[in-house]
Amino acid sequence: GILGFAILGRLHGSALLKAIIPALVSTIILYCVGMYAPGADFPPDVDTKLVAHPYAIGCFMVAFTFLITFRVNFSYGRYWEGAGNIHIMFSKYLDVASTM
């Protein structure tokens, strides 16, 4: 694939299959607790604000943007380090095969 994007959609060896079941279970539990808790307003009214000031949302957005950016950059670097090591390994195999 172009720039390794075919690997992102691959299910074999993906963490998506391992993460989707706990995520769905926790979502169902949250929904049930919110729906049946005494005095709960779930789903909340449209007028109810989660955060009183938009500055707090901006701080969370900046923090999560940095977190996701650095995490993706780290994993992308690990991918290319592994690809480079595989290239070196195959070149060593070729050296061994050519000397025999």
N, C-alpha and C. Protein backbone atom coordinates (compact mmCIF):
# COMPACT_ATOMS: atom_id res chain seq x y z
N GLY A 1 0.81 -1.18 0.00
CA GLY A 1 0.00 0.00 0.00
C GLY A 1 0.86 1.26 0.00
N ILE A 2 0.24 2.35 -0.29
CA ILE A 2 0.95 3.62 -0.34
C ILE A 2 1.23 4.08 1.09
N LEU A 3 2.50 4.31 1.38
CA LEU A 3 2.98 4.79 2.68
C LEU A 3 2.54 3.91 3.85
N GLY A 4 2.24 2.66 3.60
CA GLY A 4 1.87 1.73 4.66
C GLY A 4 0.44 1.85 5.14
N PHE A 5 -0.45 2.52 4.39
CA PHE A 5 -1.83 2.67 4.81
C PHE A 5 -2.62 1.37 4.74
N ALA A 6 -2.15 0.40 3.94
CA ALA A 6 -2.85 -0.89 3.87
C ALA A 6 -2.73 -1.64 5.20
N ILE A 7 -1.67 -1.37 5.95
CA ILE A 7 -1.48 -2.03 7.23
C ILE A 7 -2.52 -1.56 8.25
N LEU A 8 -2.96 -0.31 8.13
CA LEU A 8 -3.93 0.22 9.09
C LEU A 8 -5.27 -0.49 9.02
N GLY A 9 -5.69 -0.95 7.85
CA GLY A 9 -6.97 -1.61 7.70
C GLY A 9 -6.91 -3.11 7.92
N ARG A 10 -5.74 -3.65 8.16
CA ARG A 10 -5.57 -5.09 8.33
C ARG A 10 -6.09 -5.52 9.70
N LEU A 11 -6.86 -6.58 9.78
CA LEU A 11 -7.41 -7.06 11.04
C LEU A 11 -6.51 -8.08 11.72
N HIS A 12 -5.71 -8.84 10.94
CA HIS A 12 -4.83 -9.83 11.53
C HIS A 12 -3.72 -9.13 12.30
N GLY A 13 -3.62 -9.40 13.59
CA GLY A 13 -2.61 -8.78 14.43
C GLY A 13 -2.99 -7.39 14.90
N SER A 14 -4.22 -6.99 14.67
CA SER A 14 -4.66 -5.65 15.05
C SER A 14 -5.12 -5.62 16.51
N ALA A 15 -4.90 -4.49 17.16
CA ALA A 15 -5.39 -4.32 18.52
C ALA A 15 -6.87 -3.95 18.55
N LEU A 16 -7.42 -3.63 17.39
CA LEU A 16 -8.82 -3.23 17.33
C LEU A 16 -9.75 -4.35 17.79
N LEU A 17 -9.48 -5.57 17.37
CA LEU A 17 -10.34 -6.69 17.75
C LEU A 17 -10.26 -6.96 19.25
N LYS A 18 -9.10 -6.72 19.85
CA LYS A 18 -8.96 -6.95 21.28
C LYS A 18 -9.56 -5.81 22.10
N ALA A 19 -9.65 -4.63 21.52
CA ALA A 19 -10.13 -3.47 22.27
C ALA A 19 -11.61 -3.21 22.09
N ILE A 20 -12.21 -3.71 21.02
CA ILE A 20 -13.60 -3.36 20.74
C ILE A 20 -14.57 -3.99 21.73
N ILE A 21 -14.31 -5.21 22.18
CA ILE A 21 -15.21 -5.89 23.11
C ILE A 21 -15.22 -5.19 24.48
N PRO A 22 -14.06 -4.91 25.10
CA PRO A 22 -14.12 -4.17 26.37
C PRO A 22 -14.72 -2.77 26.22
N ALA A 23 -14.50 -2.13 25.09
CA ALA A 23 -15.06 -0.80 24.87
C ALA A 23 -16.59 -0.86 24.78
N LEU A 24 -17.11 -1.85 24.09
CA LEU A 24 -18.57 -2.00 24.00
C LEU A 24 -19.18 -2.36 25.34
N VAL A 25 -18.52 -3.24 26.09
CA VAL A 25 -19.04 -3.62 27.41
C VAL A 25 -19.08 -2.41 28.33
N SER A 26 -17.99 -1.62 28.35
CA SER A 26 -17.98 -0.46 29.24
C SER A 26 -19.00 0.59 28.80
N THR A 27 -19.23 0.72 27.49
CA THR A 27 -20.24 1.66 27.01
C THR A 27 -21.64 1.22 27.44
N ILE A 28 -21.92 -0.06 27.35
CA ILE A 28 -23.23 -0.57 27.76
C ILE A 28 -23.42 -0.40 29.26
N ILE A 29 -22.38 -0.66 30.05
CA ILE A 29 -22.47 -0.47 31.50
C ILE A 29 -22.72 1.00 31.83
N LEU A 30 -22.00 1.90 31.18
CA LEU A 30 -22.19 3.33 31.42
C LEU A 30 -23.61 3.75 31.07
N TYR A 31 -24.12 3.27 29.97
CA TYR A 31 -25.47 3.62 29.56
C TYR A 31 -26.49 3.11 30.57
N CYS A 32 -26.33 1.86 31.01
CA CYS A 32 -27.28 1.29 31.97
C CYS A 32 -27.22 2.00 33.31
N VAL A 33 -26.03 2.30 33.79
CA VAL A 33 -25.90 3.01 35.06
C VAL A 33 -26.48 4.41 34.95
N GLY A 34 -26.21 5.09 33.85
CA GLY A 34 -26.74 6.43 33.66
C GLY A 34 -28.25 6.44 33.47
N MET A 35 -28.76 5.41 32.87
CA MET A 35 -30.19 5.36 32.58
C MET A 35 -31.00 5.03 33.82
N TYR A 36 -30.50 4.14 34.66
CA TYR A 36 -31.28 3.63 35.78
C TYR A 36 -30.81 4.14 37.14
N ALA A 37 -29.83 5.03 37.18
CA ALA A 37 -29.39 5.60 38.47
C ALA A 37 -30.48 6.52 38.99
N PRO A 38 -30.74 6.50 40.31
CA PRO A 38 -31.78 7.38 40.86
C PRO A 38 -31.37 8.85 40.73
N GLY A 39 -32.27 9.65 40.21
CA GLY A 39 -32.01 11.08 40.07
C GLY A 39 -31.12 11.44 38.89
N ALA A 40 -30.85 10.49 38.02
CA ALA A 40 -29.97 10.76 36.88
C ALA A 40 -30.76 11.39 35.75
N ASP A 41 -30.16 12.35 35.13
CA ASP A 41 -30.75 12.99 33.95
C ASP A 41 -29.98 12.49 32.74
N PHE A 42 -30.37 11.32 32.27
CA PHE A 42 -29.61 10.68 31.19
C PHE A 42 -30.55 10.29 30.08
N PRO A 43 -30.33 10.62 28.88
CA PRO A 43 -29.28 11.52 28.40
C PRO A 43 -29.55 12.95 28.86
N PRO A 44 -28.50 13.74 29.05
CA PRO A 44 -28.70 15.09 29.59
C PRO A 44 -29.46 15.97 28.62
N ASP A 45 -30.07 17.02 29.17
CA ASP A 45 -30.78 17.97 28.34
C ASP A 45 -29.81 18.68 27.40
N VAL A 46 -30.35 19.22 26.35
CA VAL A 46 -29.51 19.93 25.38
C VAL A 46 -28.91 21.18 25.99
N ASP A 47 -29.62 21.82 26.92
CA ASP A 47 -29.15 23.06 27.52
C ASP A 47 -28.09 22.83 28.58
N THR A 48 -27.91 21.60 29.05
CA THR A 48 -26.92 21.31 30.08
C THR A 48 -25.53 21.37 29.48
N LYS A 49 -24.67 22.19 30.07
CA LYS A 49 -23.30 22.30 29.59
C LYS A 49 -22.40 21.35 30.37
N LEU A 50 -21.52 20.66 29.67
CA LEU A 50 -20.59 19.75 30.33
C LEU A 50 -19.52 20.55 31.07
N VAL A 51 -19.02 21.59 30.45
CA VAL A 51 -18.00 22.44 31.05
C VAL A 51 -18.53 23.86 31.00
N ALA A 52 -18.33 24.59 32.09
CA ALA A 52 -18.92 25.92 32.19
C ALA A 52 -18.24 26.95 31.31
N HIS A 53 -16.95 26.76 31.01
CA HIS A 53 -16.22 27.77 30.24
C HIS A 53 -15.50 27.08 29.09
N PRO A 54 -15.48 27.69 27.90
CA PRO A 54 -14.82 27.04 26.76
C PRO A 54 -13.30 26.96 26.89
N TYR A 55 -12.70 27.72 27.82
CA TYR A 55 -11.26 27.65 28.03
C TYR A 55 -10.84 26.25 28.49
N ALA A 56 -11.67 25.61 29.32
CA ALA A 56 -11.35 24.26 29.80
C ALA A 56 -11.35 23.26 28.65
N ILE A 57 -12.29 23.41 27.75
CA ILE A 57 -12.33 22.51 26.59
C ILE A 57 -11.10 22.73 25.71
N GLY A 58 -10.68 23.98 25.55
CA GLY A 58 -9.47 24.27 24.78
C GLY A 58 -8.24 23.65 25.40
N CYS A 59 -8.14 23.69 26.73
CA CYS A 59 -6.99 23.07 27.41
C CYS A 59 -6.97 21.56 27.19
N PHE A 60 -8.14 20.93 27.29
CA PHE A 60 -8.21 19.49 27.05
C PHE A 60 -7.85 19.16 25.60
N MET A 61 -8.31 19.98 24.67
CA MET A 61 -8.01 19.73 23.26
C MET A 61 -6.52 19.84 22.99
N VAL A 62 -5.86 20.84 23.56
CA VAL A 62 -4.42 21.00 23.37
C VAL A 62 -3.67 19.81 23.98
N ALA A 63 -4.08 19.41 25.18
CA ALA A 63 -3.40 18.29 25.84
C ALA A 63 -3.56 17.00 25.04
N PHE A 64 -4.77 16.71 24.61
CA PHE A 64 -4.98 15.47 23.85
C PHE A 64 -4.34 15.53 22.47
N THR A 65 -4.27 16.71 21.88
CA THR A 65 -3.60 16.83 20.58
C THR A 65 -2.12 16.52 20.71
N PHE A 66 -1.48 17.08 21.74
CA PHE A 66 -0.07 16.76 21.96
C PHE A 66 0.12 15.28 22.28
N LEU A 67 -0.76 14.73 23.09
CA LEU A 67 -0.64 13.32 23.46
C LEU A 67 -0.75 12.42 22.23
N ILE A 68 -1.75 12.66 21.41
CA ILE A 68 -1.95 11.83 20.21
C ILE A 68 -0.82 12.04 19.21
N THR A 69 -0.38 13.29 19.04
CA THR A 69 0.68 13.57 18.08
C THR A 69 1.98 12.88 18.46
N PHE A 70 2.38 12.99 19.72
CA PHE A 70 3.62 12.35 20.14
C PHE A 70 3.51 10.84 20.11
N ARG A 71 2.36 10.31 20.45
CA ARG A 71 2.18 8.86 20.44
C ARG A 71 2.25 8.31 19.01
N VAL A 72 1.59 8.99 18.08
CA VAL A 72 1.63 8.55 16.68
C VAL A 72 3.03 8.70 16.11
N ASN A 73 3.72 9.78 16.45
CA ASN A 73 5.08 9.99 15.97
C ASN A 73 6.00 8.89 16.50
N PHE A 74 5.84 8.51 17.75
CA PHE A 74 6.65 7.45 18.34
C PHE A 74 6.39 6.11 17.65
N SER A 75 5.13 5.78 17.41
CA SER A 75 4.82 4.51 16.76
C SER A 75 5.26 4.49 15.30
N TYR A 76 5.16 5.64 14.62
CA TYR A 76 5.62 5.72 13.24
C TYR A 76 7.13 5.52 13.17
N GLY A 77 7.86 6.08 14.12
CA GLY A 77 9.31 5.88 14.18
C GLY A 77 9.67 4.43 14.45
N ARG A 78 8.91 3.78 15.33
CA ARG A 78 9.16 2.36 15.59
C ARG A 78 8.90 1.51 14.36
N TYR A 79 7.86 1.86 13.60
CA TYR A 79 7.57 1.12 12.37
C TYR A 79 8.73 1.22 11.39
N TRP A 80 9.23 2.42 11.16
CA TRP A 80 10.31 2.57 10.20
C TRP A 80 11.62 2.02 10.71
N GLU A 81 11.82 2.00 12.02
CA GLU A 81 13.01 1.35 12.58
C GLU A 81 12.94 -0.16 12.31
N GLY A 82 11.76 -0.75 12.50
CA GLY A 82 11.59 -2.18 12.21
C GLY A 82 11.76 -2.47 10.73
N ALA A 83 11.22 -1.59 9.86
CA ALA A 83 11.38 -1.81 8.42
C ALA A 83 12.85 -1.72 8.02
N GLY A 84 13.58 -0.79 8.62
CA GLY A 84 15.02 -0.69 8.34
C GLY A 84 15.79 -1.90 8.82
N ASN A 85 15.43 -2.43 9.99
CA ASN A 85 16.09 -3.63 10.50
C ASN A 85 15.80 -4.85 9.63
N ILE A 86 14.60 -4.95 9.11
CA ILE A 86 14.28 -6.05 8.20
C ILE A 86 15.09 -5.92 6.91
N HIS A 87 15.26 -4.71 6.43
CA HIS A 87 16.07 -4.49 5.23
C HIS A 87 17.52 -4.91 5.49
N ILE A 88 18.05 -4.56 6.64
CA ILE A 88 19.43 -4.96 6.99
C ILE A 88 19.51 -6.48 7.10
N MET A 89 18.50 -7.12 7.69
CA MET A 89 18.51 -8.57 7.84
C MET A 89 18.52 -9.25 6.48
N PHE A 90 17.69 -8.78 5.54
CA PHE A 90 17.68 -9.40 4.21
C PHE A 90 18.97 -9.14 3.45
N SER A 91 19.60 -7.99 3.68
CA SER A 91 20.88 -7.75 3.02
C SER A 91 21.95 -8.68 3.57
N LYS A 92 21.88 -9.00 4.87
CA LYS A 92 22.84 -9.96 5.45
C LYS A 92 22.58 -11.36 4.90
N TYR A 93 21.29 -11.72 4.72
CA TYR A 93 20.98 -13.01 4.12
C TYR A 93 21.56 -13.09 2.70
N LEU A 94 21.43 -12.00 1.95
CA LEU A 94 21.97 -11.97 0.59
C LEU A 94 23.49 -12.08 0.61
N ASP A 95 24.14 -11.46 1.58
CA ASP A 95 25.60 -11.58 1.70
C ASP A 95 26.01 -13.02 1.96
N VAL A 96 25.26 -13.71 2.86
CA VAL A 96 25.57 -15.09 3.16
C VAL A 96 25.34 -15.96 1.94
N ALA A 97 24.23 -15.74 1.24
CA ALA A 97 23.92 -16.55 0.06
C ALA A 97 24.93 -16.31 -1.06
N SER A 98 25.43 -15.11 -1.20
CA SER A 98 26.37 -14.83 -2.27
C SER A 98 27.77 -15.36 -1.97
N THR A 99 28.12 -15.57 -0.71
CA THR A 99 29.43 -16.12 -0.38
C THR A 99 29.46 -17.62 -0.44
N MET A 100 28.32 -18.27 -0.52
CA MET A 100 28.31 -19.75 -0.57
C MET A 100 28.58 -20.26 -1.94
